[in-house]
Amino acid sequence: KQPFDYIECESELVSGIITENSGMIFIFNSISEITCIIEITIILFCLCCGGFFFLFKIVFFIFLFLLFIRSSCCRIKLTHAIFLFLFFFFPFCFACLNGLLIFVFF
């Protein structure tokens, strides 16, 4: 995350994980977040592409893409994330699903 990201999250600084965990515990927590990103990337690749060792480069690029998004995007509010999901991602996924169903059954 960016250094100024911790300045923007005042509520987490006061009562969150940054204050409760300092030093090595905070480092282990940060490493565990990155490990979760790697695991999610591998699981998504196995589910979508059908194999663990099949084109390992793609797993690496998906991981770099997710890491780039996490490190370059600033903190967004929960209301903005909900708005983005409800009015962009959900209709897009619904349209893709409808297109797939029409393609399969007709």
PDB file of N, CA and C in Angstrom:
ATOM      1  N   LYS A   1       0.848  -1.191   0.000  1.00  0.00           N
ATOM      2  CA  LYS A   1       0.000   0.000   0.000  1.00  0.00           C
ATOM      3  C   LYS A   1       0.882   1.239   0.000  1.00  0.00           C
ATOM      4  N   GLN A   2       0.290   2.337  -0.395  1.00  0.00           N
ATOM      5  CA  GLN A   2       1.054   3.583  -0.420  1.00  0.00           C
ATOM      6  C   GLN A   2       1.273   4.083   1.005  1.00  0.00           C
ATOM      7  N   PRO A   3       2.328   4.868   1.209  1.00  0.00           N
ATOM      8  CA  PRO A   3       2.565   5.402   2.557  1.00  0.00           C
ATOM      9  C   PRO A   3       1.455   6.331   3.028  1.00  0.00           C
ATOM     10  N   PHE A   4       0.826   7.078   2.106  1.00  0.00           N
ATOM     11  CA  PHE A   4      -0.218   8.004   2.528  1.00  0.00           C
ATOM     12  C   PHE A   4      -1.547   7.307   2.749  1.00  0.00           C
ATOM     13  N   ASP A   5      -1.612   6.009   2.459  1.00  0.00           N
ATOM     14  CA  ASP A   5      -2.857   5.283   2.663  1.00  0.00           C
ATOM     15  C   ASP A   5      -3.193   5.190   4.147  1.00  0.00           C
ATOM     16  N   TYR A   6      -2.180   5.099   4.995  1.00  0.00           N
ATOM     17  CA  TYR A   6      -2.429   5.010   6.431  1.00  0.00           C
ATOM     18  C   TYR A   6      -2.885   6.346   7.010  1.00  0.00           C
ATOM     19  N   ILE A   7      -2.544   7.430   6.369  1.00  0.00           N
ATOM     20  CA  ILE A   7      -3.000   8.741   6.833  1.00  0.00           C
ATOM     21  C   ILE A   7      -4.481   8.916   6.541  1.00  0.00           C
ATOM     22  N   GLU A   8      -4.939   8.363   5.416  1.00  0.00           N
ATOM     23  CA  GLU A   8      -6.330   8.528   5.017  1.00  0.00           C
ATOM     24  C   GLU A   8      -7.289   7.685   5.845  1.00  0.00           C
ATOM     25  N   CYS A   9      -6.817   6.621   6.451  1.00  0.00           N
ATOM     26  CA  CYS A   9      -7.723   5.729   7.181  1.00  0.00           C
ATOM     27  C   CYS A   9      -7.659   6.022   8.678  1.00  0.00           C
ATOM     28  N   GLU A  10      -8.247   7.118   9.082  1.00  0.00           N
ATOM     29  CA  GLU A  10      -8.160   7.560  10.476  1.00  0.00           C
ATOM     30  C   GLU A  10      -8.808   6.581  11.440  1.00  0.00           C
ATOM     31  N   SER A  11      -9.955   6.014  11.068  1.00  0.00           N
ATOM     32  CA  SER A  11     -10.640   5.109  11.990  1.00  0.00           C
ATOM     33  C   SER A  11      -9.833   3.836  12.219  1.00  0.00           C
ATOM     34  N   GLU A  12      -9.163   3.341  11.200  1.00  0.00           N
ATOM     35  CA  GLU A  12      -8.339   2.152  11.380  1.00  0.00           C
ATOM     36  C   GLU A  12      -7.063   2.453  12.148  1.00  0.00           C
ATOM     37  N   LEU A  13      -6.571   3.666  12.043  1.00  0.00           N
ATOM     38  CA  LEU A  13      -5.367   4.019  12.792  1.00  0.00           C
ATOM     39  C   LEU A  13      -5.637   4.042  14.288  1.00  0.00           C
ATOM     40  N   VAL A  14      -6.834   4.473  14.668  1.00  0.00           N
ATOM     41  CA  VAL A  14      -7.158   4.597  16.083  1.00  0.00           C
ATOM     42  C   VAL A  14      -7.559   3.259  16.677  1.00  0.00           C
ATOM     43  N   SER A  15      -8.410   2.518  15.982  1.00  0.00           N
ATOM     44  CA  SER A  15      -8.937   1.296  16.590  1.00  0.00           C
ATOM     45  C   SER A  15      -8.760   0.081  15.699  1.00  0.00           C
ATOM     46  N   GLY A  16      -7.786   0.089  14.854  1.00  0.00           N
ATOM     47  CA  GLY A  16      -7.659  -1.006  13.911  1.00  0.00           C
ATOM     48  C   GLY A  16      -6.418  -1.834  14.110  1.00  0.00           C
ATOM     49  N   ILE A  17      -6.101  -2.541  13.065  1.00  0.00           N
ATOM     50  CA  ILE A  17      -5.010  -3.503  13.124  1.00  0.00           C
ATOM     51  C   ILE A  17      -3.648  -2.828  13.178  1.00  0.00           C
ATOM     52  N   ILE A  18      -3.557  -1.589  12.715  1.00  0.00           N
ATOM     53  CA  ILE A  18      -2.269  -0.898  12.683  1.00  0.00           C
ATOM     54  C   ILE A  18      -1.819  -0.541  14.095  1.00  0.00           C
ATOM     55  N   THR A  19      -2.758  -0.160  14.955  1.00  0.00           N
ATOM     56  CA  THR A  19      -2.413   0.194  16.327  1.00  0.00           C
ATOM     57  C   THR A  19      -2.216  -1.049  17.190  1.00  0.00           C
ATOM     58  N   GLU A  20      -3.076  -2.042  17.004  1.00  0.00           N
ATOM     59  CA  GLU A  20      -3.005  -3.234  17.840  1.00  0.00           C
ATOM     60  C   GLU A  20      -1.771  -4.071  17.547  1.00  0.00           C
ATOM     61  N   ASN A  21      -1.409  -4.149  16.295  1.00  0.00           N
ATOM     62  CA  ASN A  21      -0.262  -4.967  15.901  1.00  0.00           C
ATOM     63  C   ASN A  21       0.842  -4.060  15.393  1.00  0.00           C
ATOM     64  N   SER A  22       1.974  -4.126  16.041  1.00  0.00           N
ATOM     65  CA  SER A  22       3.105  -3.327  15.579  1.00  0.00           C
ATOM     66  C   SER A  22       4.327  -4.226  15.494  1.00  0.00           C
ATOM     67  N   GLY A  23       5.289  -3.805  14.733  1.00  0.00           N
ATOM     68  CA  GLY A  23       6.529  -4.557  14.618  1.00  0.00           C
ATOM     69  C   GLY A  23       6.368  -5.810  13.793  1.00  0.00           C
ATOM     70  N   MET A  24       6.841  -6.928  14.338  1.00  0.00           N
ATOM     71  CA  MET A  24       6.846  -8.191  13.605  1.00  0.00           C
ATOM     72  C   MET A  24       5.441  -8.704  13.325  1.00  0.00           C
ATOM     73  N   ILE A  25       4.514  -8.484  14.248  1.00  0.00           N
ATOM     74  CA  ILE A  25       3.145  -8.953  14.036  1.00  0.00           C
ATOM     75  C   ILE A  25       2.519  -8.232  12.849  1.00  0.00           C
ATOM     76  N   PHE A  26       2.782  -6.944  12.712  1.00  0.00           N
ATOM     77  CA  PHE A  26       2.265  -6.184  11.577  1.00  0.00           C
ATOM     78  C   PHE A  26       2.893  -6.663  10.271  1.00  0.00           C
ATOM     79  N   ILE A  27       4.182  -6.985  10.302  1.00  0.00           N
ATOM     80  CA  ILE A  27       4.852  -7.502   9.101  1.00  0.00           C
ATOM     81  C   ILE A  27       4.262  -8.852   8.710  1.00  0.00           C
ATOM     82  N   PHE A  28       4.039  -9.730   9.694  1.00  0.00           N
ATOM     83  CA  PHE A  28       3.443 -11.029   9.385  1.00  0.00           C
ATOM     84  C   PHE A  28       2.029 -10.876   8.839  1.00  0.00           C
ATOM     85  N   ASN A  29       1.303  -9.895   9.349  1.00  0.00           N
ATOM     86  CA  ASN A  29      -0.039  -9.649   8.837  1.00  0.00           C
ATOM     87  C   ASN A  29       0.017  -9.180   7.390  1.00  0.00           C
ATOM     88  N   SER A  30       0.948  -8.297   7.065  1.00  0.00           N
ATOM     89  CA  SER A  30       1.094  -7.828   5.687  1.00  0.00           C
ATOM     90  C   SER A  30       1.501  -8.962   4.758  1.00  0.00           C
ATOM     91  N   ILE A  31       2.400  -9.817   5.222  1.00  0.00           N
ATOM     92  CA  ILE A  31       2.813 -10.969   4.414  1.00  0.00           C
ATOM     93  C   ILE A  31       1.642 -11.924   4.211  1.00  0.00           C
ATOM     94  N   SER A  32       0.799 -12.086   5.229  1.00  0.00           N
ATOM     95  CA  SER A  32      -0.355 -12.975   5.076  1.00  0.00           C
ATOM     96  C   SER A  32      -1.357 -12.424   4.068  1.00  0.00           C
ATOM     97  N   GLU A  33      -1.501 -11.097   3.990  1.00  0.00           N
ATOM     98  CA  GLU A  33      -2.382 -10.520   2.975  1.00  0.00           C
ATOM     99  C   GLU A  33      -1.859 -10.805   1.574  1.00  0.00           C
ATOM    100  N   ILE A  34      -0.559 -10.669   1.372  1.00  0.00           N
ATOM    101  CA  ILE A  34       0.026 -10.956   0.060  1.00  0.00           C
ATOM    102  C   ILE A  34      -0.089 -12.449  -0.255  1.00  0.00           C
ATOM    103  N   THR A  35       0.076 -13.300   0.756  1.00  0.00           N
ATOM    104  CA  THR A  35      -0.081 -14.734   0.552  1.00  0.00           C
ATOM    105  C   THR A  35      -1.504 -15.075   0.145  1.00  0.00           C
ATOM    106  N   CYS A  36      -2.482 -14.396   0.724  1.00  0.00           N
ATOM    107  CA  CYS A  36      -3.875 -14.608   0.327  1.00  0.00           C
ATOM    108  C   CYS A  36      -4.093 -14.219  -1.126  1.00  0.00           C
ATOM    109  N   ILE A  37      -3.457 -13.150  -1.575  1.00  0.00           N
ATOM    110  CA  ILE A  37      -3.577 -12.755  -2.981  1.00  0.00           C
ATOM    111  C   ILE A  37      -2.999 -13.841  -3.882  1.00  0.00           C
ATOM    112  N   ILE A  38      -1.864 -14.400  -3.507  1.00  0.00           N
ATOM    113  CA  ILE A  38      -1.257 -15.474  -4.305  1.00  0.00           C
ATOM    114  C   ILE A  38      -2.165 -16.701  -4.327  1.00  0.00           C
ATOM    115  N   GLU A  39      -2.715 -17.078  -3.176  1.00  0.00           N
ATOM    116  CA  GLU A  39      -3.585 -18.247  -3.117  1.00  0.00           C
ATOM    117  C   GLU A  39      -4.851 -18.046  -3.935  1.00  0.00           C
ATOM    118  N   ILE A  40      -5.450 -16.876  -3.851  1.00  0.00           N
ATOM    119  CA  ILE A  40      -6.652 -16.600  -4.634  1.00  0.00           C
ATOM    120  C   ILE A  40      -6.340 -16.641  -6.122  1.00  0.00           C
ATOM    121  N   THR A  41      -5.173 -16.133  -6.512  1.00  0.00           N
ATOM    122  CA  THR A  41      -4.775 -16.181  -7.916  1.00  0.00           C
ATOM    123  C   THR A  41      -4.638 -17.616  -8.396  1.00  0.00           C
ATOM    124  N   ILE A  42      -3.998 -18.460  -7.615  1.00  0.00           N
ATOM    125  CA  ILE A  42      -3.811 -19.855  -8.014  1.00  0.00           C
ATOM    126  C   ILE A  42      -5.143 -20.587  -8.059  1.00  0.00           C
ATOM    127  N   ILE A  43      -6.014 -20.357  -7.084  1.00  0.00           N
ATOM    128  CA  ILE A  43      -7.321 -21.013  -7.079  1.00  0.00           C
ATOM    129  C   ILE A  43      -8.155 -20.569  -8.271  1.00  0.00           C
ATOM    130  N   LEU A  44      -8.169 -19.263  -8.560  1.00  0.00           N
ATOM    131  CA  LEU A  44      -8.916 -18.787  -9.724  1.00  0.00           C
ATOM    132  C   LEU A  44      -8.367 -19.374 -11.015  1.00  0.00           C
ATOM    133  N   PHE A  45      -7.061 -19.462 -11.126  1.00  0.00           N
ATOM    134  CA  PHE A  45      -6.470 -20.030 -12.335  1.00  0.00           C
ATOM    135  C   PHE A  45      -6.817 -21.503 -12.471  1.00  0.00           C
ATOM    136  N   CYS A  46      -6.771 -22.249 -11.363  1.00  0.00           N
ATOM    137  CA  CYS A  46      -7.114 -23.674 -11.424  1.00  0.00           C
ATOM    138  C   CYS A  46      -8.574 -23.873 -11.799  1.00  0.00           C
ATOM    139  N   LEU A  47      -9.455 -23.031 -11.281  1.00  0.00           N
ATOM    140  CA  LEU A  47     -10.867 -23.163 -11.608  1.00  0.00           C
ATOM    141  C   LEU A  47     -11.165 -22.762 -13.045  1.00  0.00           C
ATOM    142  N   CYS A  48     -10.513 -21.726 -13.527  1.00  0.00           N
ATOM    143  CA  CYS A  48     -10.828 -21.212 -14.865  1.00  0.00           C
ATOM    144  C   CYS A  48     -10.061 -21.920 -15.968  1.00  0.00           C
ATOM    145  N   CYS A  49      -8.844 -22.341 -15.712  1.00  0.00           N
ATOM    146  CA  CYS A  49      -8.005 -22.884 -16.789  1.00  0.00           C
ATOM    147  C   CYS A  49      -7.722 -24.371 -16.635  1.00  0.00           C
ATOM    148  N   GLY A  50      -8.129 -24.977 -15.538  1.00  0.00           N
ATOM    149  CA  GLY A  50      -8.073 -26.421 -15.420  1.00  0.00           C
ATOM    150  C   GLY A  50      -6.726 -27.041 -15.124  1.00  0.00           C
ATOM    151  N   GLY A  51      -5.947 -26.493 -14.273  1.00  0.00           N
ATOM    152  CA  GLY A  51      -4.695 -27.142 -13.920  1.00  0.00           C
ATOM    153  C   GLY A  51      -3.772 -26.220 -13.165  1.00  0.00           C
ATOM    154  N   PHE A  52      -2.913 -26.819 -12.342  1.00  0.00           N
ATOM    155  CA  PHE A  52      -2.008 -25.999 -11.538  1.00  0.00           C
ATOM    156  C   PHE A  52      -0.757 -25.620 -12.308  1.00  0.00           C
ATOM    157  N   PHE A  53      -0.148 -26.576 -13.008  1.00  0.00           N
ATOM    158  CA  PHE A  53       1.112 -26.304 -13.693  1.00  0.00           C
ATOM    159  C   PHE A  53       0.918 -25.892 -15.146  1.00  0.00           C
ATOM    160  N   PHE A  54      -0.315 -25.710 -15.555  1.00  0.00           N
ATOM    161  CA  PHE A  54      -0.601 -25.344 -16.939  1.00  0.00           C
ATOM    162  C   PHE A  54      -0.373 -23.849 -17.111  1.00  0.00           C
ATOM    163  N   LEU A  55       0.634 -23.490 -17.862  1.00  0.00           N
ATOM    164  CA  LEU A  55       0.983 -22.095 -18.149  1.00  0.00           C
ATOM    165  C   LEU A  55       1.165 -21.280 -16.863  1.00  0.00           C
ATOM    166  N   PHE A  56       2.224 -21.583 -16.145  1.00  0.00           N
ATOM    167  CA  PHE A  56       2.502 -20.917 -14.873  1.00  0.00           C
ATOM    168  C   PHE A  56       2.732 -19.421 -15.049  1.00  0.00           C
ATOM    169  N   LYS A  57       3.114 -19.006 -16.258  1.00  0.00           N
ATOM    170  CA  LYS A  57       3.317 -17.583 -16.518  1.00  0.00           C
ATOM    171  C   LYS A  57       2.024 -16.793 -16.344  1.00  0.00           C
ATOM    172  N   ILE A  58       0.906 -17.389 -16.726  1.00  0.00           N
ATOM    173  CA  ILE A  58      -0.377 -16.689 -16.602  1.00  0.00           C
ATOM    174  C   ILE A  58      -0.701 -16.443 -15.132  1.00  0.00           C
ATOM    175  N   VAL A  59      -0.425 -17.432 -14.279  1.00  0.00           N
ATOM    176  CA  VAL A  59      -0.644 -17.246 -12.841  1.00  0.00           C
ATOM    177  C   VAL A  59       0.200 -16.090 -12.332  1.00  0.00           C
ATOM    178  N   PHE A  60       1.429 -16.023 -12.791  1.00  0.00           N
ATOM    179  CA  PHE A  60       2.322 -14.950 -12.367  1.00  0.00           C
ATOM    180  C   PHE A  60       1.802 -13.589 -12.818  1.00  0.00           C
ATOM    181  N   PHE A  61       1.310 -13.493 -14.056  1.00  0.00           N
ATOM    182  CA  PHE A  61       0.799 -12.219 -14.554  1.00  0.00           C
ATOM    183  C   PHE A  61      -0.504 -11.817 -13.871  1.00  0.00           C
ATOM    184  N   ILE A  62      -1.360 -12.790 -13.546  1.00  0.00           N
ATOM    185  CA  ILE A  62      -2.583 -12.475 -12.797  1.00  0.00           C
ATOM    186  C   ILE A  62      -2.216 -11.953 -11.412  1.00  0.00           C
ATOM    187  N   PHE A  63      -1.220 -12.587 -10.787  1.00  0.00           N
ATOM    188  CA  PHE A  63      -0.757 -12.122  -9.481  1.00  0.00           C
ATOM    189  C   PHE A  63      -0.208 -10.704  -9.564  1.00  0.00           C
ATOM    190  N   LEU A  64       0.606 -10.425 -10.582  1.00  0.00           N
ATOM    191  CA  LEU A  64       1.141  -9.074 -10.739  1.00  0.00           C
ATOM    192  C   LEU A  64       0.036  -8.061 -10.996  1.00  0.00           C
ATOM    193  N   PHE A  65      -0.974  -8.458 -11.762  1.00  0.00           N
ATOM    194  CA  PHE A  65      -2.103  -7.566 -12.028  1.00  0.00           C
ATOM    195  C   PHE A  65      -2.852  -7.239 -10.737  1.00  0.00           C
ATOM    196  N   LEU A  66      -3.149  -8.262  -9.927  1.00  0.00           N
ATOM    197  CA  LEU A  66      -3.848  -8.019  -8.662  1.00  0.00           C
ATOM    198  C   LEU A  66      -2.996  -7.200  -7.702  1.00  0.00           C
ATOM    199  N   LEU A  67      -1.702  -7.479  -7.674  1.00  0.00           N
ATOM    200  CA  LEU A  67      -0.807  -6.715  -6.809  1.00  0.00           C
ATOM    201  C   LEU A  67      -0.699  -5.267  -7.268  1.00  0.00           C
ATOM    202  N   PHE A  68      -0.688  -5.051  -8.581  1.00  0.00           N
ATOM    203  CA  PHE A  68      -0.644  -3.691  -9.123  1.00  0.00           C
ATOM    204  C   PHE A  68      -1.911  -2.922  -8.757  1.00  0.00           C
ATOM    205  N   ILE A  69      -3.065  -3.561  -8.880  1.00  0.00           N
ATOM    206  CA  ILE A  69      -4.320  -2.899  -8.519  1.00  0.00           C
ATOM    207  C   ILE A  69      -4.318  -2.557  -7.034  1.00  0.00           C
ATOM    208  N   ARG A  70      -3.872  -3.497  -6.201  1.00  0.00           N
ATOM    209  CA  ARG A  70      -3.867  -3.256  -4.751  1.00  0.00           C
ATOM    210  C   ARG A  70      -2.903  -2.145  -4.361  1.00  0.00           C
ATOM    211  N   SER A  71      -1.773  -2.059  -5.037  1.00  0.00           N
ATOM    212  CA  SER A  71      -0.786  -1.053  -4.649  1.00  0.00           C
ATOM    213  C   SER A  71      -1.030   0.301  -5.288  1.00  0.00           C
ATOM    214  N   SER A  72      -1.712   0.349  -6.410  1.00  0.00           N
ATOM    215  CA  SER A  72      -1.884   1.635  -7.093  1.00  0.00           C
ATOM    216  C   SER A  72      -3.200   2.327  -6.773  1.00  0.00           C
ATOM    217  N   CYS A  73      -4.198   1.588  -6.374  1.00  0.00           N
ATOM    218  CA  CYS A  73      -5.498   2.205  -6.093  1.00  0.00           C
ATOM    219  C   CYS A  73      -5.536   2.702  -4.651  1.00  0.00           C
ATOM    220  N   CYS A  74      -6.144   3.838  -4.480  1.00  0.00           N
ATOM    221  CA  CYS A  74      -6.301   4.384  -3.134  1.00  0.00           C
ATOM    222  C   CYS A  74      -7.466   3.699  -2.438  1.00  0.00           C
ATOM    223  N   ARG A  75      -7.584   3.968  -1.179  1.00  0.00           N
ATOM    224  CA  ARG A  75      -8.670   3.412  -0.386  1.00  0.00           C
ATOM    225  C   ARG A  75      -9.997   3.988  -0.867  1.00  0.00           C
ATOM    226  N   ILE A  76     -10.985   3.117  -1.095  1.00  0.00           N
ATOM    227  CA  ILE A  76     -12.292   3.609  -1.505  1.00  0.00           C
ATOM    228  C   ILE A  76     -13.278   3.344  -0.375  1.00  0.00           C
ATOM    229  N   LYS A  77     -14.287   4.179  -0.307  1.00  0.00           N
ATOM    230  CA  LYS A  77     -15.285   4.038   0.745  1.00  0.00           C
ATOM    231  C   LYS A  77     -16.173   2.839   0.461  1.00  0.00           C
ATOM    232  N   LEU A  78     -16.767   2.296   1.518  1.00  0.00           N
ATOM    233  CA  LEU A  78     -17.631   1.138   1.368  1.00  0.00           C
ATOM    234  C   LEU A  78     -18.852   1.475   0.525  1.00  0.00           C
ATOM    235  N   THR A  79     -19.388   2.671   0.688  1.00  0.00           N
ATOM    236  CA  THR A  79     -20.559   3.055  -0.106  1.00  0.00           C
ATOM    237  C   THR A  79     -20.219   3.142  -1.583  1.00  0.00           C
ATOM    238  N   HIS A  80     -19.010   3.606  -1.907  1.00  0.00           N
ATOM    239  CA  HIS A  80     -18.598   3.655  -3.310  1.00  0.00           C
ATOM    240  C   HIS A  80     -18.404   2.248  -3.872  1.00  0.00           C
ATOM    241  N   ALA A  81     -17.873   1.342  -3.061  1.00  0.00           N
ATOM    242  CA  ALA A  81     -17.684  -0.036  -3.515  1.00  0.00           C
ATOM    243  C   ALA A  81     -19.029  -0.712  -3.759  1.00  0.00           C
ATOM    244  N   ILE A  82     -19.994  -0.474  -2.879  1.00  0.00           N
ATOM    245  CA  ILE A  82     -21.328  -1.044  -3.061  1.00  0.00           C
ATOM    246  C   ILE A  82     -21.987  -0.465  -4.303  1.00  0.00           C
ATOM    247  N   PHE A  83     -21.852   0.836  -4.505  1.00  0.00           N
ATOM    248  CA  PHE A  83     -22.412   1.482  -5.693  1.00  0.00           C
ATOM    249  C   PHE A  83     -21.785   0.912  -6.960  1.00  0.00           C
ATOM    250  N   LEU A  84     -20.468   0.716  -6.953  1.00  0.00           N
ATOM    251  CA  LEU A  84     -19.772   0.166  -8.109  1.00  0.00           C
ATOM    252  C   LEU A  84     -20.243  -1.251  -8.398  1.00  0.00           C
ATOM    253  N   PHE A  85     -20.437  -2.048  -7.352  1.00  0.00           N
ATOM    254  CA  PHE A  85     -20.891  -3.419  -7.561  1.00  0.00           C
ATOM    255  C   PHE A  85     -22.318  -3.457  -8.082  1.00  0.00           C
ATOM    256  N   LEU A  86     -23.209  -2.699  -7.436  1.00  0.00           N
ATOM    257  CA  LEU A  86     -24.622  -2.783  -7.795  1.00  0.00           C
ATOM    258  C   LEU A  86     -24.932  -2.200  -9.162  1.00  0.00           C
ATOM    259  N   PHE A  87     -24.238  -1.154  -9.546  1.00  0.00           N
ATOM    260  CA  PHE A  87     -24.593  -0.475 -10.787  1.00  0.00           C
ATOM    261  C   PHE A  87     -23.633  -0.730 -11.938  1.00  0.00           C
ATOM    262  N   PHE A  88     -22.530  -1.446 -11.703  1.00  0.00           N
ATOM    263  CA  PHE A  88     -21.632  -1.764 -12.807  1.00  0.00           C
ATOM    264  C   PHE A  88     -21.363  -3.261 -12.914  1.00  0.00           C
ATOM    265  N   PHE A  89     -20.789  -3.858 -11.865  1.00  0.00           N
ATOM    266  CA  PHE A  89     -20.385  -5.258 -11.958  1.00  0.00           C
ATOM    267  C   PHE A  89     -21.572  -6.204 -12.033  1.00  0.00           C
ATOM    268  N   PHE A  90     -22.588  -5.991 -11.219  1.00  0.00           N
ATOM    269  CA  PHE A  90     -23.740  -6.884 -11.221  1.00  0.00           C
ATOM    270  C   PHE A  90     -24.478  -6.863 -12.557  1.00  0.00           C
ATOM    271  N   PRO A  91     -24.807  -5.690 -13.124  1.00  0.00           N
ATOM    272  CA  PRO A  91     -25.449  -5.716 -14.451  1.00  0.00           C
ATOM    273  C   PRO A  91     -24.551  -6.302 -15.540  1.00  0.00           C
ATOM    274  N   PHE A  92     -23.243  -6.048 -15.457  1.00  0.00           N
ATOM    275  CA  PHE A  92     -22.324  -6.612 -16.450  1.00  0.00           C
ATOM    276  C   PHE A  92     -22.304  -8.137 -16.364  1.00  0.00           C
ATOM    277  N   CYS A  93     -22.215  -8.677 -15.146  1.00  0.00           N
ATOM    278  CA  CYS A  93     -22.225 -10.133 -14.975  1.00  0.00           C
ATOM    279  C   CYS A  93     -23.563 -10.726 -15.388  1.00  0.00           C
ATOM    280  N   PHE A  94     -24.646 -10.031 -15.084  1.00  0.00           N
ATOM    281  CA  PHE A  94     -25.979 -10.495 -15.470  1.00  0.00           C
ATOM    282  C   PHE A  94     -26.118 -10.522 -16.988  1.00  0.00           C
ATOM    283  N   ALA A  95     -25.618  -9.496 -17.668  1.00  0.00           N
ATOM    284  CA  ALA A  95     -25.676  -9.457 -19.132  1.00  0.00           C
ATOM    285  C   ALA A  95     -24.814 -10.564 -19.738  1.00  0.00           C
ATOM    286  N   CYS A  96     -23.638 -10.801 -19.169  1.00  0.00           N
ATOM    287  CA  CYS A  96     -22.783 -11.889 -19.671  1.00  0.00           C
ATOM    288  C   CYS A  96     -23.440 -13.243 -19.463  1.00  0.00           C
ATOM    289  N   LEU A  97     -24.076 -13.438 -18.322  1.00  0.00           N
ATOM    290  CA  LEU A  97     -24.760 -14.696 -18.051  1.00  0.00           C
ATOM    291  C   LEU A  97     -25.928 -14.892 -19.004  1.00  0.00           C
ATOM    292  N   ASN A  98     -26.693 -13.835 -19.249  1.00  0.00           N
ATOM    293  CA  ASN A  98     -27.800 -13.936 -20.201  1.00  0.00           C
ATOM    294  C   ASN A  98     -27.295 -14.236 -21.604  1.00  0.00           C
ATOM    295  N   GLY A  99     -26.219 -13.579 -22.008  1.00  0.00           N
ATOM    296  CA  GLY A  99     -25.645 -13.857 -23.321  1.00  0.00           C
ATOM    297  C   GLY A  99     -25.164 -15.292 -23.437  1.00  0.00           C
ATOM    298  N   LEU A 100     -24.564 -15.813 -22.371  1.00  0.00           N
ATOM    299  CA  LEU A 100     -24.103 -17.195 -22.376  1.00  0.00           C
ATOM    300  C   LEU A 100     -25.278 -18.159 -22.456  1.00  0.00           C
ATOM    301  N   LEU A 101     -26.338 -17.887 -21.698  1.00  0.00           N
ATOM    302  CA  LEU A 101     -27.514 -18.758 -21.745  1.00  0.00           C
ATOM    303  C   LEU A 101     -28.172 -18.730 -23.119  1.00  0.00           C
ATOM    304  N   ILE A 102     -28.252 -17.566 -23.722  1.00  0.00           N
ATOM    305  CA  ILE A 102     -28.831 -17.466 -25.066  1.00  0.00           C
ATOM    306  C   ILE A 102     -27.958 -18.215 -26.068  1.00  0.00           C
ATOM    307  N   PHE A 103     -26.648 -18.095 -25.931  1.00  0.00           N
ATOM    308  CA  PHE A 103     -25.728 -18.780 -26.839  1.00  0.00           C
ATOM    309  C   PHE A 103     -25.826 -20.294 -26.690  1.00  0.00           C
ATOM    310  N   VAL A 104     -25.979 -20.781 -25.452  1.00  0.00           N
ATOM    311  CA  VAL A 104     -26.007 -22.222 -25.218  1.00  0.00           C
ATOM    312  C   VAL A 104     -27.329 -22.833 -25.659  1.00  0.00           C
ATOM    313  N   PHE A 105     -28.439 -22.176 -25.369  1.00  0.00           N
ATOM    314  CA  PHE A 105     -29.739 -22.786 -25.620  1.00  0.00           C
ATOM    315  C   PHE A 105     -30.333 -22.459 -26.985  1.00  0.00           C
ATOM    316  N   PHE A 106     -29.772 -21.528 -27.726  1.00  0.00           N
ATOM    317  CA  PHE A 106     -30.344 -21.207 -29.045  1.00  0.00           C
ATOM    318  C   PHE A 106     -29.367 -21.383 -30.137  1.00  0.00           C
TER     319      PHE A 106
END
